[in-house]
Amino acid sequence: MDAFRLGELLLRTVPGGAGEVSAQGMSLSVSILVVLFVVLMMVLLRSFMHLIPFIADSFLRARGSVALESSVRVSSDRDMVALVMLLPMLLLAFRYRLYNPSFLADAAPDIRMGLIAAVFAGYLLLRLFMYAVLKPRRRYEQFQVAHHATYTFFILMVILLLLTAGIMYIFRASDDTIRLILYAETAFVYLLLLFRRAQILSLSCNHLRTFLYLCWLEILPTAALVLSAVLL
């Protein structure tokens, strides 16, 4: 019996990954973001419900984005909701390790959340910088509509990801399975965004300029984000 008392238990005492998820769920940063998101969505619930038809229209046709931008109130509500949707996007990226470079693998939960938020902030600043540099001096209305369409499709993407993650969690899907499906849905919405932005830009630009705009405004910042996750 002494041999058993002196032995060291090397196996996990909880099922694989459960301890990590529990620790992450108790972290201060996650708790703050969840509470903040719930409170802000309660405040913006009416604006969000009013936006849904415009988001659906933008999803179905390029001129839906033009119609949305034509209303100052709707476009302002869209911008506010898109800003709030950054919070669940950070939570999804944290919980399912959607952004998971090697330097974050062993970081404490609060530190990892902070670094993910910093990377996302850098990504958004790069996009805004490219927009400011490439913005044409005249006849830039379609250029602006195409740029703001990103906010609309971001809202659509986060809603889709939240619904998918929630449903698959209820059915006890593994984190790896959920992660792959979230990646696939993100890629789908992103490709659709590129297509819609190309349609909007083509209203005032030729095909070459449209392609170059998409490369600099969309593909370059996104490629930098993806490469940072793969190479770092």
Protein backbone atom coordinates (compact mmCIF):
# COMPACT_ATOMS: atom_id res chain seq x y z
CA MET A 1 0.00 0.00 0.00
CA ASP A 2 2.93 2.38 0.67
CA ALA A 3 3.93 2.11 -2.99
CA PHE A 4 0.49 3.40 -4.05
CA ARG A 5 0.60 6.22 -1.51
CA LEU A 6 3.97 7.38 -2.80
CA GLY A 7 3.06 7.11 -6.46
CA GLU A 8 2.52 10.30 -8.48
CA LEU A 9 -0.66 10.72 -10.50
CA LEU A 10 0.42 11.84 -13.96
CA LEU A 11 -2.95 11.80 -15.71
CA ARG A 12 -5.35 14.73 -15.81
CA THR A 13 -7.99 14.75 -13.11
CA VAL A 14 -10.55 16.22 -15.51
CA PRO A 15 -11.40 15.34 -19.14
CA GLY A 16 -9.02 16.73 -21.77
CA GLY A 17 -9.37 20.46 -22.23
CA ALA A 18 -12.07 20.89 -19.58
CA GLY A 19 -9.70 22.36 -17.00
CA GLU A 20 -8.35 24.86 -19.50
CA VAL A 21 -11.80 25.95 -20.60
CA SER A 22 -12.89 26.34 -17.00
CA ALA A 23 -9.86 28.44 -16.18
CA GLN A 24 -10.41 30.63 -19.23
CA GLY A 25 -14.09 31.03 -18.42
CA MET A 26 -13.19 32.34 -14.93
CA SER A 27 -10.65 34.87 -16.18
CA LEU A 28 -11.33 38.51 -15.38
CA SER A 29 -10.99 39.74 -18.97
CA VAL A 30 -13.54 37.23 -20.28
CA SER A 31 -16.03 38.10 -17.54
CA ILE A 32 -15.68 41.82 -18.24
CA LEU A 33 -16.15 41.40 -22.00
CA VAL A 34 -19.21 39.18 -21.56
CA VAL A 35 -20.91 41.61 -19.17
CA LEU A 36 -20.00 44.61 -21.33
CA PHE A 37 -21.34 42.94 -24.47
CA VAL A 38 -24.64 41.99 -22.81
CA VAL A 39 -25.16 45.49 -21.43
CA LEU A 40 -24.32 47.23 -24.72
CA MET A 41 -26.52 44.89 -26.76
CA MET A 42 -29.42 45.58 -24.43
CA VAL A 43 -28.90 49.30 -25.05
CA LEU A 44 -28.61 48.82 -28.83
CA LEU A 45 -31.23 46.08 -29.21
CA ARG A 46 -33.75 48.29 -31.01
CA SER A 47 -31.10 49.58 -33.41
CA PHE A 48 -29.89 46.03 -34.03
CA MET A 49 -33.40 44.77 -34.85
CA HIS A 50 -33.92 47.72 -37.19
CA LEU A 51 -30.65 46.85 -38.96
CA ILE A 52 -31.50 43.22 -39.75
CA PRO A 53 -33.44 43.91 -43.00
CA PHE A 54 -30.62 46.15 -44.26
CA ILE A 55 -28.00 43.51 -43.42
CA ALA A 56 -30.04 40.88 -45.25
CA ASP A 57 -30.41 43.19 -48.26
CA SER A 58 -26.66 43.84 -48.33
CA PHE A 59 -26.06 40.10 -48.20
CA LEU A 60 -28.34 39.48 -51.19
CA ARG A 61 -27.26 42.33 -53.47
CA ALA A 62 -24.55 44.94 -53.79
CA ARG A 63 -27.01 47.83 -54.00
CA GLY A 64 -28.24 46.87 -50.55
CA SER A 65 -25.06 48.44 -49.16
CA VAL A 66 -25.73 51.57 -51.20
CA ALA A 67 -29.26 51.79 -49.77
CA LEU A 68 -27.93 51.34 -46.24
CA GLU A 69 -25.36 54.12 -46.64
CA SER A 70 -27.99 56.48 -48.00
CA SER A 71 -29.57 56.65 -44.54
CA VAL A 72 -27.45 58.53 -42.02
CA ARG A 73 -29.35 57.06 -39.07
CA VAL A 74 -29.10 53.46 -40.27
CA SER A 75 -25.43 53.73 -41.18
CA SER A 76 -24.69 55.30 -37.79
CA ASP A 77 -26.53 52.48 -36.01
CA ARG A 78 -24.62 49.97 -38.13
CA ASP A 79 -21.29 51.46 -37.12
CA MET A 80 -22.19 51.30 -33.42
CA VAL A 81 -23.39 47.70 -33.62
CA ALA A 82 -20.28 46.69 -35.56
CA LEU A 83 -18.11 48.24 -32.84
CA VAL A 84 -19.97 46.29 -30.14
CA MET A 85 -19.67 43.07 -32.18
CA LEU A 86 -15.92 43.26 -31.71
CA LEU A 87 -16.47 41.99 -28.16
CA PRO A 88 -18.03 38.59 -29.05
CA MET A 89 -15.53 38.24 -31.87
CA LEU A 90 -12.70 38.55 -29.35
CA LEU A 91 -14.44 36.04 -27.08
CA LEU A 92 -14.83 33.54 -29.93
CA ALA A 93 -11.21 33.99 -30.99
CA PHE A 94 -10.15 33.42 -27.38
CA ARG A 95 -12.45 30.51 -26.55
CA TYR A 96 -11.88 28.49 -29.73
CA ARG A 97 -8.34 29.72 -30.43
CA LEU A 98 -9.27 31.11 -33.84
CA TYR A 99 -6.15 33.25 -33.61
CA ASN A 100 -3.54 31.00 -32.05
CA PRO A 101 0.11 31.76 -32.89
CA SER A 102 2.74 29.84 -30.96
CA PHE A 103 3.68 32.79 -28.73
CA LEU A 104 0.15 32.71 -27.25
CA ALA A 105 0.03 28.97 -26.63
CA ASP A 106 1.22 29.06 -23.00
CA ALA A 107 0.13 32.57 -22.07
CA ALA A 108 -2.13 33.13 -19.08
CA PRO A 109 -5.80 33.69 -20.02
CA ASP A 110 -5.89 37.43 -19.31
CA ILE A 111 -2.59 38.01 -21.10
CA ARG A 112 -3.72 35.96 -24.09
CA MET A 113 -6.96 37.92 -24.32
CA GLY A 114 -5.05 41.20 -24.13
CA LEU A 115 -2.64 40.15 -26.87
CA ILE A 116 -5.47 38.97 -29.13
CA ALA A 117 -7.21 42.33 -28.64
CA ALA A 118 -3.94 44.16 -29.45
CA VAL A 119 -3.47 42.15 -32.66
CA PHE A 120 -7.06 42.83 -33.74
CA ALA A 121 -6.58 46.52 -33.00
CA GLY A 122 -3.43 46.54 -35.14
CA TYR A 123 -5.34 44.81 -37.95
CA LEU A 124 -8.11 47.42 -37.84
CA LEU A 125 -5.63 50.30 -37.74
CA LEU A 126 -3.83 48.89 -40.78
CA ARG A 127 -7.12 48.73 -42.67
CA LEU A 128 -7.96 52.33 -41.73
CA PHE A 129 -4.49 53.47 -42.75
CA MET A 130 -4.78 51.81 -46.16
CA TYR A 131 -8.22 53.36 -46.62
CA ALA A 132 -6.91 56.84 -45.78
CA VAL A 133 -3.92 56.47 -48.13
CA LEU A 134 -5.86 55.11 -51.11
CA LYS A 135 -9.02 57.19 -50.75
CA PRO A 136 -9.54 59.05 -54.05
CA ARG A 137 -9.72 62.83 -53.93
CA ARG A 138 -12.85 63.08 -56.08
CA ARG A 139 -15.89 60.88 -56.67
CA TYR A 140 -15.13 58.70 -53.69
CA GLU A 141 -18.76 57.90 -52.75
CA GLN A 142 -18.65 54.31 -54.07
CA PHE A 143 -15.22 53.87 -52.50
CA GLN A 144 -16.66 54.87 -49.13
CA VAL A 145 -19.71 52.61 -49.54
CA ALA A 146 -17.43 49.67 -50.36
CA HIS A 147 -15.29 50.38 -47.31
CA HIS A 148 -18.25 50.64 -44.95
CA ALA A 149 -19.73 47.42 -46.34
CA THR A 150 -17.05 45.68 -44.30
CA TYR A 151 -18.83 46.75 -41.11
CA THR A 152 -22.13 45.29 -42.35
CA PHE A 153 -20.59 41.96 -43.28
CA PHE A 154 -18.67 41.86 -40.01
CA ILE A 155 -21.96 42.02 -38.11
CA LEU A 156 -23.35 39.26 -40.33
CA MET A 157 -20.27 37.12 -39.76
CA VAL A 158 -20.30 37.47 -35.97
CA ILE A 159 -24.01 36.61 -35.80
CA LEU A 160 -23.38 33.50 -37.90
CA LEU A 161 -20.39 32.45 -35.81
CA LEU A 162 -22.23 32.96 -32.52
CA LEU A 163 -25.22 30.93 -33.68
CA THR A 164 -23.01 28.13 -34.99
CA ALA A 165 -20.84 27.99 -31.87
CA GLY A 166 -23.91 27.98 -29.62
CA ILE A 167 -25.72 25.23 -31.51
CA MET A 168 -22.65 23.01 -31.77
CA TYR A 169 -21.84 23.53 -28.10
CA ILE A 170 -25.33 22.35 -27.18
CA PHE A 171 -24.76 19.20 -29.24
CA ARG A 172 -21.39 18.68 -27.51
CA ALA A 173 -19.22 19.04 -30.59
CA SER A 174 -15.49 19.09 -29.96
CA ASP A 175 -13.58 22.37 -29.95
CA ASP A 176 -11.59 21.26 -33.00
CA THR A 177 -14.78 20.60 -34.97
CA ILE A 178 -16.30 23.92 -33.96
CA ARG A 179 -13.08 25.73 -34.85
CA LEU A 180 -12.99 24.24 -38.36
CA ILE A 181 -16.61 25.17 -39.04
CA LEU A 182 -16.07 28.71 -37.74
CA TYR A 183 -13.06 29.04 -40.05
CA ALA A 184 -15.16 27.85 -43.00
CA GLU A 185 -17.96 30.31 -42.24
CA THR A 186 -15.49 33.16 -41.81
CA ALA A 187 -13.94 32.36 -45.19
CA PHE A 188 -17.39 32.22 -46.82
CA VAL A 189 -18.46 35.62 -45.49
CA TYR A 190 -15.07 37.12 -46.35
CA LEU A 191 -15.21 35.88 -49.95
CA LEU A 192 -18.75 37.20 -50.28
CA LEU A 193 -17.55 40.55 -48.92
CA LEU A 194 -14.81 40.67 -51.56
CA PHE A 195 -17.37 39.93 -54.26
CA ARG A 196 -19.79 42.60 -53.04
CA ARG A 197 -17.04 45.19 -52.65
CA ALA A 198 -15.87 44.45 -56.18
CA GLN A 199 -19.43 44.99 -57.43
CA ILE A 200 -19.70 48.30 -55.58
CA LEU A 201 -16.31 49.57 -56.73
CA SER A 202 -17.03 48.57 -60.32
CA LEU A 203 -19.81 51.18 -60.37
CA SER A 204 -17.14 53.90 -60.54
CA CYS A 205 -13.86 52.04 -61.28
CA ASN A 206 -12.57 49.86 -64.07
CA HIS A 207 -11.71 46.22 -63.42
CA LEU A 208 -7.99 46.86 -62.89
CA ARG A 209 -8.50 49.59 -60.32
CA THR A 210 -11.13 47.50 -58.56
CA PHE A 211 -8.70 44.58 -58.33
CA LEU A 212 -5.88 46.80 -57.03
CA TYR A 213 -8.15 48.40 -54.44
CA LEU A 214 -9.22 45.00 -53.15
CA CYS A 215 -5.62 43.82 -52.97
CA TRP A 216 -4.47 46.80 -50.92
CA LEU A 217 -7.58 47.38 -48.82
CA GLU A 218 -8.66 43.81 -48.07
CA ILE A 219 -6.22 41.11 -49.09
CA LEU A 220 -3.03 42.75 -47.77
CA PRO A 221 -4.28 43.43 -44.18
CA THR A 222 -5.96 40.03 -43.97
CA ALA A 223 -2.86 38.26 -45.30
CA ALA A 224 -0.78 40.05 -42.64
CA LEU A 225 -3.17 38.83 -39.93
CA VAL A 226 -3.12 35.24 -41.18
CA LEU A 227 0.66 35.18 -41.61
CA SER A 228 1.16 36.51 -38.09
CA ALA A 229 -0.81 33.53 -36.80
CA VAL A 230 1.10 31.02 -38.93
CA LEU A 231 4.66 32.31 -38.70
CA LEU A 232 4.91 33.80 -35.19
